[in-house]
C-alpha cells in the first residue's frame, strides 16, 4: 500500500520523502484536497512500469498485424496532412 501524503506536507519534507522512495522502496501518493494527484515511485518501479507498457505495446502491435485489412502509407500521410 502506498503512503498518502498531502502536497503541503511534502513541500516541507521533500528530501525525506525522496529518501523514503529511493532507499526505502516506498510508494508515495501525493494528495491535494484528499484526492491523489500524482505518485512518487522508485526508479526500479518506474522501470517495471515502462517494461509493462512496452510489453502491452508489443502485444497490441502483434494483434494489429493479425487483423485483416491494410491502410496504405499514402492514405495515412494524407490523413496527417503529409506529402
C-alpha atoms as a PDB file:
ATOM      1  CA  UNK A   1       0.000   0.000   0.000  1.00  0.00           C
ATOM      2  CA  UNK A   2       1.324   3.423  -0.906  1.00  0.00           C
ATOM      3  CA  UNK A   3       1.738   6.089   1.734  1.00  0.00           C
ATOM      4  CA  UNK A   4      -0.551   9.044   1.145  1.00  0.00           C
ATOM      5  CA  UNK A   5       0.939  12.461   1.793  1.00  0.00           C
ATOM      6  CA  UNK A   6      -0.554  15.913   1.354  1.00  0.00           C
ATOM      7  CA  UNK A   7       1.363  18.101  -1.100  1.00  0.00           C
ATOM      8  CA  UNK A   8       1.804  20.818   1.543  1.00  0.00           C
ATOM      9  CA  UNK A   9       3.499  18.280   3.827  1.00  0.00           C
ATOM     10  CA  UNK A  10       5.721  17.015   1.004  1.00  0.00           C
ATOM     11  CA  UNK A  11       6.967  20.539   0.335  1.00  0.00           C
ATOM     12  CA  UNK A  12       8.293  20.809   3.862  1.00  0.00           C
ATOM     13  CA  UNK A  13       9.775  17.283   3.867  1.00  0.00           C
ATOM     14  CA  UNK A  14      10.783  16.800   0.223  1.00  0.00           C
ATOM     15  CA  UNK A  15      14.268  15.371   0.860  1.00  0.00           C
ATOM     16  CA  UNK A  16      12.933  12.942   3.472  1.00  0.00           C
ATOM     17  CA  UNK A  17      10.105  11.831   1.165  1.00  0.00           C
ATOM     18  CA  UNK A  18      12.509  11.268  -1.742  1.00  0.00           C
ATOM     19  CA  UNK A  19      14.781   9.191   0.501  1.00  0.00           C
ATOM     20  CA  UNK A  20      11.831   7.070   1.638  1.00  0.00           C
ATOM     21  CA  UNK A  21      11.043   6.351  -2.016  1.00  0.00           C
ATOM     22  CA  UNK A  22      14.593   5.929  -3.323  1.00  0.00           C
ATOM     23  CA  UNK A  23      16.115   3.972  -0.456  1.00  0.00           C
ATOM     24  CA  UNK A  24      13.136   2.556   1.421  1.00  0.00           C
ATOM     25  CA  UNK A  25      11.243   1.394  -1.635  1.00  0.00           C
ATOM     26  CA  UNK A  26       8.080   3.196  -0.546  1.00  0.00           C
ATOM     27  CA  UNK A  27       5.498   4.456  -2.982  1.00  0.00           C
ATOM     28  CA  UNK A  28       4.057   7.821  -2.058  1.00  0.00           C
ATOM     29  CA  UNK A  29       0.757   9.165  -3.367  1.00  0.00           C
ATOM     30  CA  UNK A  30       0.640  12.951  -3.376  1.00  0.00           C
ATOM     31  CA  UNK A  31      -2.739  14.304  -2.407  1.00  0.00           C
ATOM     32  CA  UNK A  32      -4.460  17.614  -2.912  1.00  0.00           C
ATOM     33  CA  UNK A  33      -7.721  18.157  -1.044  1.00  0.00           C
ATOM     34  CA  UNK A  34      -7.820  14.467  -0.151  1.00  0.00           C
ATOM     35  CA  UNK A  35      -7.505  13.266  -3.746  1.00  0.00           C
ATOM     36  CA  UNK A  36      -4.456  11.520  -5.197  1.00  0.00           C
ATOM     37  CA  UNK A  37      -2.939  13.647  -7.972  1.00  0.00           C
ATOM     38  CA  UNK A  38       0.493  12.092  -8.548  1.00  0.00           C
ATOM     39  CA  UNK A  39       2.814   9.439  -7.200  1.00  0.00           C
ATOM     40  CA  UNK A  40       6.478   9.153  -6.339  1.00  0.00           C
ATOM     41  CA  UNK A  41       7.981   5.762  -7.156  1.00  0.00           C
ATOM     42  CA  UNK A  42      11.497   4.386  -7.146  1.00  0.00           C
ATOM     43  CA  UNK A  43      13.473   4.133 -10.364  1.00  0.00           C
ATOM     44  CA  UNK A  44      13.112   0.354 -10.081  1.00  0.00           C
ATOM     45  CA  UNK A  45       9.321   0.665 -10.028  1.00  0.00           C
ATOM     46  CA  UNK A  46       9.397   3.114 -12.935  1.00  0.00           C
ATOM     47  CA  UNK A  47      11.480   0.676 -14.992  1.00  0.00           C
ATOM     48  CA  UNK A  48       8.952  -2.075 -14.229  1.00  0.00           C
ATOM     49  CA  UNK A  49       6.036   0.167 -15.247  1.00  0.00           C
ATOM     50  CA  UNK A  50       7.777   1.086 -18.501  1.00  0.00           C
ATOM     51  CA  UNK A  51       8.597  -2.573 -19.237  1.00  0.00           C
ATOM     52  CA  UNK A  52       4.940  -3.498 -18.709  1.00  0.00           C
ATOM     53  CA  UNK A  53       3.866  -0.673 -21.037  1.00  0.00           C
ATOM     54  CA  UNK A  54       6.363  -1.834 -23.688  1.00  0.00           C
ATOM     55  CA  UNK A  55       5.064  -5.394 -23.377  1.00  0.00           C
ATOM     56  CA  UNK A  56       1.475  -4.188 -23.821  1.00  0.00           C
ATOM     57  CA  UNK A  57       2.522  -2.183 -26.895  1.00  0.00           C
ATOM     58  CA  UNK A  58       4.139  -5.263 -28.450  1.00  0.00           C
ATOM     59  CA  UNK A  59       1.020  -7.352 -27.790  1.00  0.00           C
ATOM     60  CA  UNK A  60      -1.165  -4.652 -29.385  1.00  0.00           C
ATOM     61  CA  UNK A  61       1.126  -4.425 -32.409  1.00  0.00           C
ATOM     62  CA  UNK A  62       1.096  -8.198 -32.895  1.00  0.00           C
ATOM     63  CA  UNK A  63      -2.688  -8.228 -32.618  1.00  0.00           C
ATOM     64  CA  UNK A  64      -2.955  -5.408 -35.170  1.00  0.00           C
ATOM     65  CA  UNK A  65      -0.701  -7.325 -37.573  1.00  0.00           C
ATOM     66  CA  UNK A  66      -3.052 -10.317 -37.408  1.00  0.00           C
ATOM     67  CA  UNK A  67      -6.103  -8.207 -38.273  1.00  0.00           C
ATOM     68  CA  UNK A  68      -7.350  -8.228 -41.833  1.00  0.00           C
ATOM     69  CA  UNK A  69      -7.145  -5.150 -43.973  1.00  0.00           C
ATOM     70  CA  UNK A  70      -4.363  -2.734 -44.644  1.00  0.00           C
ATOM     71  CA  UNK A  71      -4.101   1.013 -44.853  1.00  0.00           C
ATOM     72  CA  UNK A  72      -1.684   2.252 -47.500  1.00  0.00           C
ATOM     73  CA  UNK A  73       1.049   4.608 -46.344  1.00  0.00           C
ATOM     74  CA  UNK A  74      -0.212   7.239 -48.771  1.00  0.00           C
ATOM     75  CA  UNK A  75      -3.624   7.223 -47.031  1.00  0.00           C
ATOM     76  CA  UNK A  76      -2.021   7.676 -43.629  1.00  0.00           C
ATOM     77  CA  UNK A  77       0.134  10.537 -44.922  1.00  0.00           C
ATOM     78  CA  UNK A  78      -2.929  12.194 -46.492  1.00  0.00           C
ATOM     79  CA  UNK A  79      -4.853  11.884 -43.219  1.00  0.00           C
ATOM     80  CA  UNK A  80      -1.944  13.536 -41.366  1.00  0.00           C
ATOM     81  CA  UNK A  81      -1.543  16.270 -43.966  1.00  0.00           C
ATOM     82  CA  UNK A  82       1.853  14.998 -45.076  1.00  0.00           C
ATOM     83  CA  UNK A  83       3.174  14.855 -48.626  1.00  0.00           C
END
